[in-house]
């Protein structure tokens, strides 16, 4: 009997087709995004994961010092908002929106906002 040659298995083709959009999205992000924005994005991912871990700990283990949970979670959320604002201000694609704000000024606003945020968080701890 002669072996018939067929294409790749259907499962492999379907898996490649499904992972292709995510892979192309990742490649486009990696190639076109500046290092500065990638650093801010890494901070945003860290803040999301930190908030999720704190929330899960509160649900699964204990929320005994509830002020500590609220302060830590509010710190993650507030810092995420400040970092997202910084990212939108230093993104070159948004230059038309923030004409009068230089990247240095945006970072100074981020730093001052972070200091004020953590002052309130520290005072909330008691």
N, C-alpha and C. Protein backbone atom coordinates (compact mmCIF):
# COMPACT_ATOMS: atom_id res chain seq x y z
N UNK A 1 0.83 -1.17 0.00
CA UNK A 1 0.00 0.00 0.00
C UNK A 1 0.88 1.24 0.00
N UNK A 2 0.46 2.19 -0.73
CA UNK A 2 1.19 3.45 -0.78
C UNK A 2 0.67 4.36 0.32
N UNK A 3 1.59 4.95 1.01
CA UNK A 3 1.20 5.85 2.09
C UNK A 3 0.75 7.18 1.49
N UNK A 4 -0.36 7.62 1.93
CA UNK A 4 -0.84 8.91 1.44
C UNK A 4 -0.28 10.01 2.33
N UNK A 5 0.13 11.04 1.69
CA UNK A 5 0.70 12.15 2.45
C UNK A 5 -0.40 13.15 2.76
N UNK A 6 -0.57 13.41 4.01
CA UNK A 6 -1.58 14.38 4.43
C UNK A 6 -0.88 15.55 5.10
N UNK A 7 -1.62 16.59 5.31
CA UNK A 7 -1.09 17.78 5.98
C UNK A 7 -0.87 17.53 7.46
N UNK A 8 -0.49 18.54 8.18
CA UNK A 8 -0.28 18.38 9.62
C UNK A 8 -1.59 18.02 10.31
N UNK A 9 -1.49 17.38 11.45
CA UNK A 9 -2.72 17.01 12.16
C UNK A 9 -3.58 18.24 12.44
N UNK A 10 -4.86 18.01 12.50
CA UNK A 10 -5.81 19.11 12.68
C UNK A 10 -5.61 19.81 14.03
N UNK A 11 -5.25 19.05 15.05
CA UNK A 11 -5.07 19.66 16.37
C UNK A 11 -3.91 20.64 16.37
N UNK A 12 -2.81 20.29 15.72
CA UNK A 12 -1.66 21.19 15.68
C UNK A 12 -1.98 22.45 14.90
N UNK A 13 -2.69 22.31 13.80
CA UNK A 13 -3.04 23.47 12.98
C UNK A 13 -3.98 24.39 13.75
N UNK A 14 -4.94 23.83 14.46
CA UNK A 14 -5.86 24.63 15.25
C UNK A 14 -5.13 25.35 16.38
N UNK A 15 -4.18 24.67 17.01
CA UNK A 15 -3.43 25.29 18.11
C UNK A 15 -2.58 26.44 17.59
N UNK A 16 -1.96 26.27 16.42
CA UNK A 16 -1.17 27.34 15.84
C UNK A 16 -2.05 28.53 15.46
N UNK A 17 -3.22 28.24 14.95
CA UNK A 17 -4.13 29.32 14.55
C UNK A 17 -4.63 30.09 15.76
N UNK A 18 -4.84 29.40 16.87
CA UNK A 18 -5.32 30.08 18.07
C UNK A 18 -4.23 30.86 18.76
N UNK A 19 -3.00 30.38 18.75
CA UNK A 19 -1.92 31.08 19.43
C UNK A 19 -1.32 32.17 18.56
N UNK A 20 -1.61 32.16 17.30
CA UNK A 20 -1.03 33.14 16.39
C UNK A 20 -1.42 34.58 16.71
N UNK A 21 -2.68 34.90 17.03
CA UNK A 21 -3.00 36.29 17.36
C UNK A 21 -2.29 36.77 18.63
N UNK A 22 -2.22 35.91 19.63
CA UNK A 22 -1.52 36.30 20.86
C UNK A 22 -0.03 36.45 20.62
N UNK A 23 0.52 35.56 19.83
CA UNK A 23 1.94 35.65 19.51
C UNK A 23 2.25 36.90 18.70
N UNK A 24 1.40 37.20 17.75
CA UNK A 24 1.64 38.41 16.95
C UNK A 24 1.43 39.66 17.78
N UNK A 25 0.50 39.65 18.71
CA UNK A 25 0.31 40.78 19.61
C UNK A 25 1.54 40.98 20.48
N UNK A 26 2.08 39.89 21.04
CA UNK A 26 3.27 39.98 21.87
C UNK A 26 4.46 40.48 21.07
N UNK A 27 4.64 39.95 19.86
CA UNK A 27 5.76 40.39 19.01
C UNK A 27 5.66 41.87 18.65
N UNK A 28 4.45 42.33 18.34
CA UNK A 28 4.26 43.75 18.02
C UNK A 28 4.54 44.62 19.24
N UNK A 29 4.08 44.18 20.40
CA UNK A 29 4.35 44.93 21.63
C UNK A 29 5.84 44.98 21.91
N UNK A 30 6.50 43.85 21.78
CA UNK A 30 7.93 43.76 22.10
C UNK A 30 8.77 44.61 21.15
N UNK A 31 8.37 44.67 19.88
CA UNK A 31 9.17 45.39 18.89
C UNK A 31 8.90 46.88 18.87
N UNK A 32 7.68 47.31 19.16
CA UNK A 32 7.33 48.72 18.99
C UNK A 32 7.29 49.52 20.28
N UNK A 33 7.24 48.88 21.42
CA UNK A 33 7.14 49.60 22.69
C UNK A 33 8.52 49.93 23.22
N UNK A 34 8.66 51.16 23.70
CA UNK A 34 9.97 51.59 24.22
C UNK A 34 10.24 50.92 25.56
N UNK A 35 11.50 50.95 25.95
CA UNK A 35 11.91 50.35 27.22
C UNK A 35 11.26 51.06 28.40
N UNK A 36 11.11 52.36 28.29
CA UNK A 36 10.47 53.13 29.36
C UNK A 36 9.04 52.65 29.60
N UNK A 37 8.28 52.46 28.53
CA UNK A 37 6.90 52.01 28.69
C UNK A 37 6.83 50.55 29.15
N UNK A 38 7.78 49.73 28.72
CA UNK A 38 7.81 48.34 29.19
C UNK A 38 8.08 48.28 30.69
N UNK A 39 8.93 49.18 31.18
CA UNK A 39 9.21 49.22 32.62
C UNK A 39 7.96 49.62 33.40
N UNK A 40 7.24 50.61 32.90
CA UNK A 40 6.00 51.02 33.57
C UNK A 40 4.97 49.90 33.50
N UNK A 41 4.91 49.19 32.37
CA UNK A 41 3.98 48.07 32.25
C UNK A 41 4.33 46.95 33.23
N UNK A 42 5.61 46.72 33.45
CA UNK A 42 6.02 45.71 34.42
C UNK A 42 5.58 46.11 35.82
N UNK A 43 5.69 47.40 36.15
CA UNK A 43 5.20 47.89 37.45
C UNK A 43 3.69 47.69 37.55
N UNK A 44 2.97 47.96 36.48
CA UNK A 44 1.51 47.78 36.51
C UNK A 44 1.13 46.31 36.73
N UNK A 45 1.84 45.40 36.08
CA UNK A 45 1.57 43.97 36.27
C UNK A 45 1.89 43.56 37.71
N UNK A 46 3.00 44.07 38.25
CA UNK A 46 3.35 43.77 39.65
C UNK A 46 2.27 44.27 40.60
N UNK A 47 1.75 45.47 40.37
CA UNK A 47 0.72 46.01 41.25
C UNK A 47 -0.57 45.21 41.16
N UNK A 48 -0.91 44.75 39.97
CA UNK A 48 -2.11 43.92 39.81
C UNK A 48 -1.94 42.61 40.57
N UNK A 49 -0.79 41.96 40.39
CA UNK A 49 -0.55 40.69 41.08
C UNK A 49 -0.50 40.88 42.60
N UNK A 50 0.10 41.94 43.05
CA UNK A 50 0.17 42.21 44.48
C UNK A 50 -1.23 42.42 45.07
N UNK A 51 -2.06 43.17 44.37
CA UNK A 51 -3.44 43.38 44.83
C UNK A 51 -4.23 42.09 44.86
N UNK A 52 -4.05 41.25 43.84
CA UNK A 52 -4.76 39.96 43.80
C UNK A 52 -4.31 39.07 44.95
N UNK A 53 -3.01 39.02 45.20
CA UNK A 53 -2.50 38.19 46.30
C UNK A 53 -3.03 38.67 47.64
N UNK A 54 -3.06 39.99 47.86
CA UNK A 54 -3.59 40.52 49.11
C UNK A 54 -5.07 40.19 49.26
N UNK A 55 -5.82 40.32 48.18
CA UNK A 55 -7.25 40.03 48.24
C UNK A 55 -7.49 38.55 48.52
N UNK A 56 -6.75 37.68 47.85
CA UNK A 56 -6.90 36.25 48.10
C UNK A 56 -6.50 35.88 49.52
N UNK A 57 -5.45 36.49 50.02
CA UNK A 57 -5.04 36.23 51.40
C UNK A 57 -6.14 36.65 52.37
N UNK A 58 -6.75 37.79 52.11
CA UNK A 58 -7.83 38.26 52.98
C UNK A 58 -9.01 37.30 52.96
N UNK A 59 -9.33 36.77 51.78
CA UNK A 59 -10.47 35.85 51.67
C UNK A 59 -10.15 34.48 52.25
N UNK A 60 -8.97 33.94 51.92
CA UNK A 60 -8.68 32.55 52.26
C UNK A 60 -8.09 32.37 53.66
N UNK A 61 -7.27 33.30 54.12
CA UNK A 61 -6.57 33.09 55.39
C UNK A 61 -7.24 33.87 56.51
N UNK A 62 -7.09 35.17 56.47
CA UNK A 62 -7.64 35.98 57.55
C UNK A 62 -7.61 37.44 57.15
N UNK A 63 -8.52 38.19 57.71
CA UNK A 63 -8.48 39.63 57.52
C UNK A 63 -8.40 40.32 58.87
N UNK A 64 -7.68 39.69 59.81
CA UNK A 64 -7.68 40.17 61.18
C UNK A 64 -7.30 41.64 61.31
N UNK A 65 -6.13 42.06 60.89
CA UNK A 65 -5.95 43.52 60.94
C UNK A 65 -6.54 44.12 59.66
N UNK A 66 -7.87 44.35 59.71
CA UNK A 66 -8.58 44.77 58.51
C UNK A 66 -8.05 46.10 57.99
N UNK A 67 -7.59 46.98 58.89
CA UNK A 67 -7.01 48.24 58.44
C UNK A 67 -5.78 47.99 57.58
N UNK A 68 -5.00 46.98 57.94
CA UNK A 68 -3.79 46.67 57.16
C UNK A 68 -4.17 46.19 55.77
N UNK A 69 -5.21 45.35 55.68
CA UNK A 69 -5.64 44.90 54.36
C UNK A 69 -6.14 46.08 53.53
N UNK A 70 -6.98 46.92 54.13
CA UNK A 70 -7.52 48.06 53.38
C UNK A 70 -6.41 49.01 52.94
N UNK A 71 -5.46 49.24 53.81
CA UNK A 71 -4.36 50.14 53.47
C UNK A 71 -3.49 49.55 52.36
N UNK A 72 -3.17 48.27 52.46
CA UNK A 72 -2.35 47.63 51.43
C UNK A 72 -3.05 47.56 50.09
N UNK A 73 -4.33 47.22 50.11
CA UNK A 73 -5.08 47.12 48.86
C UNK A 73 -5.29 48.49 48.25
N UNK A 74 -5.60 49.49 49.07
CA UNK A 74 -5.76 50.86 48.57
C UNK A 74 -4.44 51.39 48.02
N UNK A 75 -3.35 50.99 48.64
CA UNK A 75 -2.03 51.39 48.15
C UNK A 75 -1.78 50.81 46.76
N UNK A 76 -2.13 49.54 46.55
CA UNK A 76 -1.97 48.92 45.23
C UNK A 76 -2.84 49.60 44.18
N UNK A 77 -4.08 49.85 44.52
CA UNK A 77 -5.00 50.47 43.57
C UNK A 77 -4.56 51.90 43.26
N UNK A 78 -4.22 52.66 44.30
CA UNK A 78 -3.80 54.04 44.09
C UNK A 78 -2.52 54.14 43.29
N UNK A 79 -1.57 53.27 43.60
CA UNK A 79 -0.30 53.28 42.86
C UNK A 79 -0.52 52.85 41.42
N UNK A 80 -1.45 51.92 41.19
CA UNK A 80 -1.77 51.51 39.82
C UNK A 80 -2.34 52.69 39.03
N UNK A 81 -3.23 53.45 39.64
CA UNK A 81 -3.82 54.60 38.97
C UNK A 81 -2.75 55.63 38.64
N UNK A 82 -1.86 55.89 39.59
CA UNK A 82 -0.78 56.85 39.35
C UNK A 82 0.16 56.37 38.24
N UNK A 83 0.49 55.08 38.25
CA UNK A 83 1.39 54.54 37.23
C UNK A 83 0.72 54.53 35.85
N UNK A 84 -0.57 54.23 35.80
CA UNK A 84 -1.28 54.27 34.52
C UNK A 84 -1.33 55.70 33.98
N UNK A 85 -1.49 56.65 34.86
CA UNK A 85 -1.46 58.05 34.45
C UNK A 85 -0.08 58.44 33.93
N UNK A 86 0.96 57.99 34.61
CA UNK A 86 2.32 58.25 34.15
C UNK A 86 2.54 57.63 32.78
N UNK A 87 2.07 56.41 32.58
CA UNK A 87 2.25 55.75 31.28
C UNK A 87 1.56 56.51 30.16
N UNK A 88 0.36 56.99 30.43
CA UNK A 88 -0.34 57.72 29.38
C UNK A 88 0.32 59.06 29.09
N UNK A 89 0.97 59.66 30.07
CA UNK A 89 1.61 60.95 29.84
C UNK A 89 2.96 60.83 29.15
N UNK A 90 3.70 59.75 29.35
CA UNK A 90 5.01 59.61 28.71
C UNK A 90 4.95 58.83 27.41
N UNK A 91 3.79 58.31 27.04
CA UNK A 91 3.65 57.58 25.79
C UNK A 91 3.75 58.55 24.62
N UNK A 92 4.69 58.33 23.70
CA UNK A 92 4.83 59.24 22.56
C UNK A 92 3.57 59.32 21.68
N UNK A 93 2.75 58.29 21.68
CA UNK A 93 1.53 58.31 20.89
C UNK A 93 0.51 59.32 21.43
N UNK A 94 0.65 59.68 22.70
CA UNK A 94 -0.27 60.63 23.33
C UNK A 94 0.32 62.03 23.43
N UNK A 95 1.34 62.32 22.67
CA UNK A 95 2.01 63.61 22.76
C UNK A 95 1.05 64.77 22.48
N UNK A 96 0.10 64.59 21.57
CA UNK A 96 -0.85 65.66 21.25
C UNK A 96 -1.77 65.96 22.43
N UNK A 97 -2.07 64.96 23.23
CA UNK A 97 -2.96 65.15 24.39
C UNK A 97 -2.26 65.91 25.52
N UNK A 98 -0.97 65.66 25.68
CA UNK A 98 -0.21 66.24 26.79
C UNK A 98 0.91 67.10 26.25
N UNK A 99 0.57 68.16 25.52
CA UNK A 99 1.58 69.02 24.90
C UNK A 99 2.44 69.73 25.93
N UNK A 100 1.82 70.22 26.98
CA UNK A 100 2.55 71.03 27.95
C UNK A 100 3.21 70.22 29.05
N UNK A 101 3.05 68.90 29.04
CA UNK A 101 3.62 68.06 30.10
C UNK A 101 4.82 67.31 29.54
N UNK A 102 6.00 67.62 30.08
CA UNK A 102 7.20 66.89 29.67
C UNK A 102 7.28 65.57 30.43
N UNK A 103 8.05 64.61 29.96
CA UNK A 103 8.19 63.35 30.70
C UNK A 103 8.76 63.56 32.11
N UNK A 104 9.65 64.53 32.26
CA UNK A 104 10.21 64.81 33.59
C UNK A 104 9.13 65.35 34.52
N UNK A 105 8.28 66.21 34.01
CA UNK A 105 7.19 66.76 34.81
C UNK A 105 6.20 65.66 35.18
N UNK A 106 5.91 64.77 34.22
CA UNK A 106 5.00 63.66 34.50
C UNK A 106 5.56 62.77 35.61
N UNK A 107 6.88 62.51 35.57
CA UNK A 107 7.47 61.69 36.62
C UNK A 107 7.46 62.41 37.95
N UNK A 108 7.68 63.71 37.95
CA UNK A 108 7.62 64.47 39.20
C UNK A 108 6.21 64.43 39.79
N UNK A 109 5.19 64.55 38.95
CA UNK A 109 3.81 64.42 39.42
C UNK A 109 3.56 63.03 40.00
N UNK A 110 4.08 62.01 39.32
CA UNK A 110 3.94 60.62 39.80
C UNK A 110 4.61 60.45 41.16
N UNK A 111 5.82 60.99 41.31
CA UNK A 111 6.55 60.85 42.57
C UNK A 111 5.83 61.58 43.71
N UNK A 112 5.38 62.80 43.44
CA UNK A 112 4.68 63.56 44.48
C UNK A 112 3.36 62.88 44.84
N UNK A 113 2.63 62.41 43.84
CA UNK A 113 1.39 61.70 44.12
C UNK A 113 1.62 60.43 44.92
N UNK A 114 2.72 59.73 44.63
CA UNK A 114 3.05 58.51 45.38
C UNK A 114 3.37 58.83 46.84
N UNK A 115 4.10 59.92 47.06
CA UNK A 115 4.43 60.31 48.44
C UNK A 115 3.16 60.65 49.21
N UNK A 116 2.26 61.41 48.61
CA UNK A 116 1.01 61.77 49.26
C UNK A 116 0.16 60.52 49.51
N UNK A 117 0.08 59.65 48.53
CA UNK A 117 -0.70 58.41 48.68
C UNK A 117 -0.18 57.58 49.85
N UNK A 118 1.13 57.39 49.90
CA UNK A 118 1.68 56.54 50.96
C UNK A 118 1.64 57.23 52.32
N UNK A 119 1.61 58.53 52.35
CA UNK A 119 1.39 59.24 53.62
C UNK A 119 0.01 58.90 54.17
N UNK A 120 -1.01 58.94 53.32
CA UNK A 120 -2.37 58.60 53.77
C UNK A 120 -2.48 57.12 54.13
N UNK A 121 -1.83 56.26 53.35
CA UNK A 121 -1.86 54.83 53.67
C UNK A 121 -1.21 54.57 55.03
N UNK A 122 -0.09 55.21 55.29
CA UNK A 122 0.61 55.02 56.56
C UNK A 122 -0.25 55.52 57.72
N UNK A 123 -0.91 56.65 57.53
CA UNK A 123 -1.79 57.17 58.58
C UNK A 123 -3.02 56.30 58.78
N UNK A 124 -3.47 55.64 57.73
CA UNK A 124 -4.64 54.76 57.86
C UNK A 124 -4.30 53.52 58.67
N UNK A 125 -3.05 53.10 58.63
CA UNK A 125 -2.67 51.92 59.40
C UNK A 125 -2.86 52.13 60.89
N UNK A 126 -2.72 53.36 61.33
CA UNK A 126 -2.98 53.67 62.72
C UNK A 126 -1.78 53.75 63.59
